[in-house]
Amino acid sequence: MEIAIIAHDGKKAEMVQFLNEHKTVLHQKNIKLIATGTTGTNAEKAGFEVTKYLSGPLGGDAQIAARVAEGKCNMVLFFRDPHEKHPHEPDITMLLRLCDVHNIPLATNLATAELLIQSI
């Protein structure tokens, strides 16, 4: 199973904490993590193996959206910061739309991510 992890700057620490709390499940289920650039770097520093794509503003959200459209990504955990403006909002919207189009589970906050991880 391939899970994409993405976190806006104000949520990156929360994403790493989430991954650490669920490290056992991720390893037991042999989850492959993919991520946008900086989120992936933070996850690697925490000891996770991650395939990194470009940073979100440089096209990483679009690269992950392409994996969703190709049927390669099975779940997206995207910790969004609703208090900040993001110059790459069209890419974010495209990713969210493609998750809906292809019926891919998508969490945009911690509570929903917890439910999705518990389901696998």
N, C-alpha and C. Protein backbone atom coordinates (compact mmCIF):
# COMPACT_ATOMS: atom_id res chain seq x y z
N MET A 1 0.85 -1.17 0.00
CA MET A 1 0.00 0.00 0.00
C MET A 1 0.89 1.23 0.00
N GLU A 2 0.54 2.20 -0.82
CA GLU A 2 1.29 3.45 -0.92
C GLU A 2 0.47 4.58 -0.31
N ILE A 3 1.08 5.29 0.64
CA ILE A 3 0.41 6.43 1.28
C ILE A 3 1.25 7.67 1.04
N ALA A 4 0.59 8.72 0.56
CA ALA A 4 1.24 10.01 0.38
C ALA A 4 1.09 10.82 1.65
N ILE A 5 2.19 11.44 2.07
CA ILE A 5 2.15 12.35 3.22
C ILE A 5 2.58 13.74 2.75
N ILE A 6 1.77 14.71 3.11
CA ILE A 6 2.01 16.11 2.75
C ILE A 6 1.62 16.93 3.96
N ALA A 7 2.41 17.94 4.28
CA ALA A 7 2.06 18.83 5.39
C ALA A 7 2.55 20.23 5.08
N HIS A 8 1.66 21.18 5.27
CA HIS A 8 2.08 22.58 5.15
C HIS A 8 3.06 22.89 6.27
N ASP A 9 3.81 23.96 6.12
CA ASP A 9 4.89 24.28 7.06
C ASP A 9 4.44 24.28 8.52
N GLY A 10 3.28 24.84 8.79
CA GLY A 10 2.79 24.90 10.16
C GLY A 10 2.30 23.56 10.70
N LYS A 11 2.28 22.53 9.86
CA LYS A 11 1.78 21.21 10.26
C LYS A 11 2.83 20.10 10.13
N LYS A 12 4.04 20.44 9.73
CA LYS A 12 5.06 19.41 9.51
C LYS A 12 5.41 18.66 10.80
N ALA A 13 5.55 19.38 11.89
CA ALA A 13 5.88 18.71 13.16
C ALA A 13 4.74 17.78 13.58
N GLU A 14 3.51 18.20 13.33
CA GLU A 14 2.35 17.36 13.64
C GLU A 14 2.37 16.08 12.80
N MET A 15 2.78 16.19 11.54
CA MET A 15 2.87 15.01 10.67
C MET A 15 3.92 14.04 11.18
N VAL A 16 5.09 14.56 11.56
CA VAL A 16 6.16 13.68 12.06
C VAL A 16 5.70 13.00 13.35
N GLN A 17 5.05 13.73 14.21
CA GLN A 17 4.53 13.14 15.46
C GLN A 17 3.52 12.04 15.14
N PHE A 18 2.63 12.30 14.18
CA PHE A 18 1.64 11.30 13.76
C PHE A 18 2.34 10.04 13.25
N LEU A 19 3.35 10.21 12.41
CA LEU A 19 4.08 9.05 11.87
C LEU A 19 4.74 8.27 13.00
N ASN A 20 5.36 8.97 13.93
CA ASN A 20 6.01 8.29 15.06
C ASN A 20 5.01 7.51 15.90
N GLU A 21 3.84 8.07 16.11
CA GLU A 21 2.81 7.39 16.89
C GLU A 21 2.28 6.14 16.20
N HIS A 22 2.42 6.09 14.88
CA HIS A 22 1.88 4.97 14.11
C HIS A 22 2.97 4.17 13.39
N LYS A 23 4.19 4.31 13.88
CA LYS A 23 5.35 3.64 13.27
C LYS A 23 5.14 2.13 13.17
N THR A 24 4.62 1.52 14.23
CA THR A 24 4.43 0.07 14.25
C THR A 24 3.48 -0.38 13.15
N VAL A 25 2.36 0.29 13.02
CA VAL A 25 1.37 -0.07 11.98
C VAL A 25 1.97 0.11 10.60
N LEU A 26 2.68 1.22 10.38
CA LEU A 26 3.26 1.49 9.07
C LEU A 26 4.26 0.40 8.69
N HIS A 27 5.06 -0.06 9.66
CA HIS A 27 6.05 -1.10 9.38
C HIS A 27 5.39 -2.47 9.24
N GLN A 28 4.45 -2.79 10.12
CA GLN A 28 3.78 -4.10 10.06
C GLN A 28 3.02 -4.30 8.76
N LYS A 29 2.40 -3.25 8.28
CA LYS A 29 1.60 -3.34 7.06
C LYS A 29 2.43 -3.09 5.80
N ASN A 30 3.74 -2.89 5.99
CA ASN A 30 4.65 -2.68 4.86
C ASN A 30 4.20 -1.52 3.97
N ILE A 31 3.89 -0.39 4.61
CA ILE A 31 3.41 0.79 3.91
C ILE A 31 4.58 1.50 3.23
N LYS A 32 4.39 1.85 1.97
CA LYS A 32 5.37 2.66 1.25
C LYS A 32 4.92 4.11 1.37
N LEU A 33 5.80 4.95 1.90
CA LEU A 33 5.48 6.36 2.04
C LEU A 33 6.07 7.16 0.89
N ILE A 34 5.25 8.05 0.34
CA ILE A 34 5.74 9.03 -0.63
C ILE A 34 5.38 10.39 -0.05
N ALA A 35 6.12 11.41 -0.45
CA ALA A 35 5.90 12.72 0.15
C ALA A 35 6.39 13.84 -0.76
N THR A 36 5.85 15.02 -0.50
CA THR A 36 6.43 16.21 -1.09
C THR A 36 7.78 16.46 -0.41
N GLY A 37 8.61 17.26 -1.02
CA GLY A 37 10.01 17.40 -0.63
C GLY A 37 10.32 17.64 0.83
N THR A 38 9.87 18.74 1.38
CA THR A 38 10.23 19.08 2.75
C THR A 38 9.57 18.16 3.76
N THR A 39 8.32 17.78 3.51
CA THR A 39 7.66 16.83 4.40
C THR A 39 8.43 15.51 4.40
N GLY A 40 8.86 15.07 3.24
CA GLY A 40 9.63 13.84 3.14
C GLY A 40 10.97 13.93 3.87
N THR A 41 11.63 15.07 3.75
CA THR A 41 12.90 15.27 4.46
C THR A 41 12.69 15.19 5.96
N ASN A 42 11.63 15.82 6.46
CA ASN A 42 11.33 15.76 7.90
C ASN A 42 11.04 14.33 8.34
N ALA A 43 10.32 13.58 7.52
CA ALA A 43 10.01 12.18 7.86
C ALA A 43 11.28 11.34 7.85
N GLU A 44 12.16 11.59 6.90
CA GLU A 44 13.44 10.86 6.85
C GLU A 44 14.27 11.13 8.11
N LYS A 45 14.32 12.38 8.53
CA LYS A 45 15.08 12.74 9.74
C LYS A 45 14.52 12.01 10.96
N ALA A 46 13.23 11.67 10.92
CA ALA A 46 12.61 10.93 12.02
C ALA A 46 12.79 9.42 11.87
N GLY A 47 13.49 8.99 10.82
CA GLY A 47 13.80 7.58 10.66
C GLY A 47 12.92 6.82 9.70
N PHE A 48 12.10 7.50 8.93
CA PHE A 48 11.21 6.83 7.98
C PHE A 48 11.83 6.80 6.59
N GLU A 49 11.56 5.71 5.88
CA GLU A 49 11.98 5.61 4.49
C GLU A 49 10.88 6.21 3.64
N VAL A 50 11.24 7.19 2.83
CA VAL A 50 10.25 7.95 2.07
C VAL A 50 10.77 8.20 0.66
N THR A 51 9.90 8.04 -0.33
CA THR A 51 10.21 8.47 -1.69
C THR A 51 9.75 9.91 -1.80
N LYS A 52 10.69 10.81 -2.05
CA LYS A 52 10.38 12.24 -2.08
C LYS A 52 10.17 12.74 -3.50
N TYR A 53 9.21 13.61 -3.62
CA TYR A 53 8.95 14.34 -4.86
C TYR A 53 9.32 15.79 -4.63
N LEU A 54 9.03 16.64 -5.56
CA LEU A 54 9.34 18.05 -5.42
C LEU A 54 8.57 18.66 -4.24
N SER A 55 9.05 19.77 -3.76
CA SER A 55 8.32 20.54 -2.76
C SER A 55 6.97 20.94 -3.37
N GLY A 56 5.96 21.09 -2.52
CA GLY A 56 4.62 21.44 -2.99
C GLY A 56 4.59 22.63 -3.94
N PRO A 57 5.17 23.77 -3.57
CA PRO A 57 5.13 24.94 -4.45
C PRO A 57 5.88 24.74 -5.77
N LEU A 58 6.75 23.74 -5.82
CA LEU A 58 7.52 23.48 -7.05
C LEU A 58 6.91 22.37 -7.90
N GLY A 59 5.75 21.84 -7.50
CA GLY A 59 5.08 20.83 -8.30
C GLY A 59 4.88 19.49 -7.61
N GLY A 60 5.30 19.35 -6.37
CA GLY A 60 5.17 18.08 -5.67
C GLY A 60 3.73 17.62 -5.48
N ASP A 61 2.83 18.58 -5.20
CA ASP A 61 1.41 18.21 -5.07
C ASP A 61 0.89 17.64 -6.38
N ALA A 62 1.31 18.24 -7.49
CA ALA A 62 0.89 17.77 -8.81
C ALA A 62 1.47 16.39 -9.11
N GLN A 63 2.71 16.14 -8.68
CA GLN A 63 3.31 14.83 -8.90
C GLN A 63 2.55 13.75 -8.13
N ILE A 64 2.17 14.05 -6.91
CA ILE A 64 1.40 13.08 -6.13
C ILE A 64 0.01 12.92 -6.72
N ALA A 65 -0.59 14.00 -7.20
CA ALA A 65 -1.89 13.91 -7.87
C ALA A 65 -1.80 12.97 -9.08
N ALA A 66 -0.70 13.03 -9.80
CA ALA A 66 -0.52 12.14 -10.95
C ALA A 66 -0.50 10.68 -10.50
N ARG A 67 0.14 10.38 -9.37
CA ARG A 67 0.18 9.01 -8.86
C ARG A 67 -1.22 8.55 -8.46
N VAL A 68 -2.01 9.47 -7.91
CA VAL A 68 -3.41 9.15 -7.59
C VAL A 68 -4.15 8.80 -8.88
N ALA A 69 -4.00 9.63 -9.91
CA ALA A 69 -4.70 9.40 -11.18
C ALA A 69 -4.25 8.11 -11.84
N GLU A 70 -3.00 7.72 -11.66
CA GLU A 70 -2.47 6.49 -12.25
C GLU A 70 -2.84 5.25 -11.45
N GLY A 71 -3.47 5.43 -10.30
CA GLY A 71 -3.85 4.29 -9.47
C GLY A 71 -2.71 3.72 -8.64
N LYS A 72 -1.65 4.48 -8.45
CA LYS A 72 -0.49 4.00 -7.70
C LYS A 72 -0.54 4.37 -6.22
N CYS A 73 -1.19 5.47 -5.90
CA CYS A 73 -1.27 5.94 -4.52
C CYS A 73 -2.63 5.54 -3.95
N ASN A 74 -2.62 4.89 -2.78
CA ASN A 74 -3.83 4.33 -2.20
C ASN A 74 -4.48 5.18 -1.12
N MET A 75 -3.73 6.18 -0.60
CA MET A 75 -4.27 7.01 0.47
C MET A 75 -3.43 8.29 0.52
N VAL A 76 -4.07 9.40 0.88
CA VAL A 76 -3.36 10.67 1.01
C VAL A 76 -3.64 11.25 2.38
N LEU A 77 -2.56 11.56 3.10
CA LEU A 77 -2.64 12.25 4.38
C LEU A 77 -2.03 13.63 4.16
N PHE A 78 -2.88 14.64 4.14
CA PHE A 78 -2.46 15.99 3.79
C PHE A 78 -2.84 16.91 4.95
N PHE A 79 -1.89 17.19 5.82
CA PHE A 79 -2.16 18.07 6.95
C PHE A 79 -2.06 19.51 6.45
N ARG A 80 -3.22 20.09 6.19
CA ARG A 80 -3.31 21.44 5.64
C ARG A 80 -3.34 22.47 6.75
N ASP A 81 -2.79 23.62 6.47
CA ASP A 81 -2.84 24.74 7.41
C ASP A 81 -3.89 25.72 6.88
N PRO A 82 -5.08 25.72 7.47
CA PRO A 82 -6.16 26.57 6.95
C PRO A 82 -5.96 28.05 7.24
N HIS A 83 -4.95 28.39 8.04
CA HIS A 83 -4.73 29.79 8.41
C HIS A 83 -3.74 30.51 7.50
N GLU A 84 -3.15 29.79 6.57
CA GLU A 84 -2.15 30.38 5.69
C GLU A 84 -2.61 30.34 4.23
N LYS A 85 -2.14 31.32 3.46
CA LYS A 85 -2.37 31.31 2.02
C LYS A 85 -1.25 30.50 1.38
N HIS A 86 -1.58 29.80 0.31
CA HIS A 86 -0.60 28.96 -0.37
C HIS A 86 -0.59 29.31 -1.86
N PRO A 87 0.57 29.70 -2.38
CA PRO A 87 0.64 30.12 -3.78
C PRO A 87 0.33 28.99 -4.76
N HIS A 88 0.45 27.74 -4.31
CA HIS A 88 0.21 26.59 -5.18
C HIS A 88 -1.18 26.00 -4.93
N GLU A 89 -2.13 26.82 -4.52
CA GLU A 89 -3.49 26.36 -4.21
C GLU A 89 -4.14 25.61 -5.39
N PRO A 90 -3.90 26.02 -6.66
CA PRO A 90 -4.49 25.24 -7.75
C PRO A 90 -4.01 23.78 -7.77
N ASP A 91 -2.75 23.54 -7.44
CA ASP A 91 -2.24 22.17 -7.38
C ASP A 91 -2.89 21.39 -6.24
N ILE A 92 -3.08 22.07 -5.11
CA ILE A 92 -3.72 21.44 -3.95
C ILE A 92 -5.15 21.06 -4.30
N THR A 93 -5.86 21.98 -4.93
CA THR A 93 -7.25 21.72 -5.33
C THR A 93 -7.31 20.56 -6.31
N MET A 94 -6.36 20.49 -7.23
CA MET A 94 -6.32 19.39 -8.20
C MET A 94 -6.13 18.06 -7.48
N LEU A 95 -5.22 18.02 -6.51
CA LEU A 95 -4.98 16.79 -5.76
C LEU A 95 -6.23 16.35 -5.02
N LEU A 96 -6.89 17.27 -4.34
CA LEU A 96 -8.11 16.94 -3.62
C LEU A 96 -9.20 16.44 -4.57
N ARG A 97 -9.32 17.09 -5.71
CA ARG A 97 -10.31 16.69 -6.71
C ARG A 97 -10.03 15.28 -7.24
N LEU A 98 -8.77 15.00 -7.53
CA LEU A 98 -8.43 13.67 -8.06
C LEU A 98 -8.65 12.58 -7.02
N CYS A 99 -8.44 12.88 -5.75
CA CYS A 99 -8.77 11.90 -4.72
C CYS A 99 -10.26 11.58 -4.76
N ASP A 100 -11.08 12.60 -4.96
CA ASP A 100 -12.53 12.38 -5.07
C ASP A 100 -12.88 11.61 -6.34
N VAL A 101 -12.29 12.00 -7.45
CA VAL A 101 -12.58 11.35 -8.74
C VAL A 101 -12.23 9.86 -8.69
N HIS A 102 -11.08 9.55 -8.08
CA HIS A 102 -10.59 8.17 -8.07
C HIS A 102 -10.89 7.42 -6.77
N ASN A 103 -11.72 8.03 -5.94
CA ASN A 103 -12.19 7.40 -4.70
C ASN A 103 -11.03 6.97 -3.80
N ILE A 104 -10.08 7.88 -3.62
CA ILE A 104 -8.90 7.64 -2.78
C ILE A 104 -9.15 8.25 -1.41
N PRO A 105 -8.98 7.48 -0.34
CA PRO A 105 -9.15 8.04 0.99
C PRO A 105 -8.20 9.22 1.21
N LEU A 106 -8.74 10.31 1.75
CA LEU A 106 -7.99 11.55 1.93
C LEU A 106 -8.27 12.12 3.30
N ALA A 107 -7.22 12.38 4.05
CA ALA A 107 -7.34 13.05 5.34
C ALA A 107 -6.66 14.40 5.23
N THR A 108 -7.36 15.45 5.64
CA THR A 108 -6.76 16.79 5.63
C THR A 108 -6.55 17.32 7.04
N ASN A 109 -6.76 16.45 8.03
CA ASN A 109 -6.51 16.85 9.42
C ASN A 109 -6.17 15.61 10.24
N LEU A 110 -5.69 15.84 11.44
CA LEU A 110 -5.23 14.76 12.30
C LEU A 110 -6.33 13.76 12.64
N ALA A 111 -7.52 14.25 12.97
CA ALA A 111 -8.60 13.35 13.38
C ALA A 111 -8.95 12.35 12.27
N THR A 112 -9.04 12.83 11.05
CA THR A 112 -9.37 11.96 9.93
C THR A 112 -8.21 11.00 9.62
N ALA A 113 -6.99 11.49 9.73
CA ALA A 113 -5.82 10.63 9.51
C ALA A 113 -5.80 9.48 10.51
N GLU A 114 -6.15 9.77 11.75
CA GLU A 114 -6.22 8.72 12.77
C GLU A 114 -7.21 7.63 12.36
N LEU A 115 -8.37 8.03 11.88
CA LEU A 115 -9.38 7.07 11.46
C LEU A 115 -8.90 6.24 10.27
N LEU A 116 -8.26 6.88 9.32
CA LEU A 116 -7.77 6.15 8.14
C LEU A 116 -6.70 5.14 8.52
N ILE A 117 -5.76 5.54 9.36
CA ILE A 117 -4.68 4.62 9.76
C ILE A 117 -5.26 3.44 10.54
N GLN A 118 -6.25 3.68 11.37
CA GLN A 118 -6.86 2.60 12.13
C GLN A 118 -7.57 1.61 11.21
N SER A 119 -7.95 2.05 10.01
CA SER A 119 -8.71 1.19 9.10
C SER A 119 -7.85 0.22 8.33
N ILE A 120 -6.53 0.41 8.34
CA ILE A 120 -5.68 -0.49 7.52
C ILE A 120 -5.10 -1.64 8.31
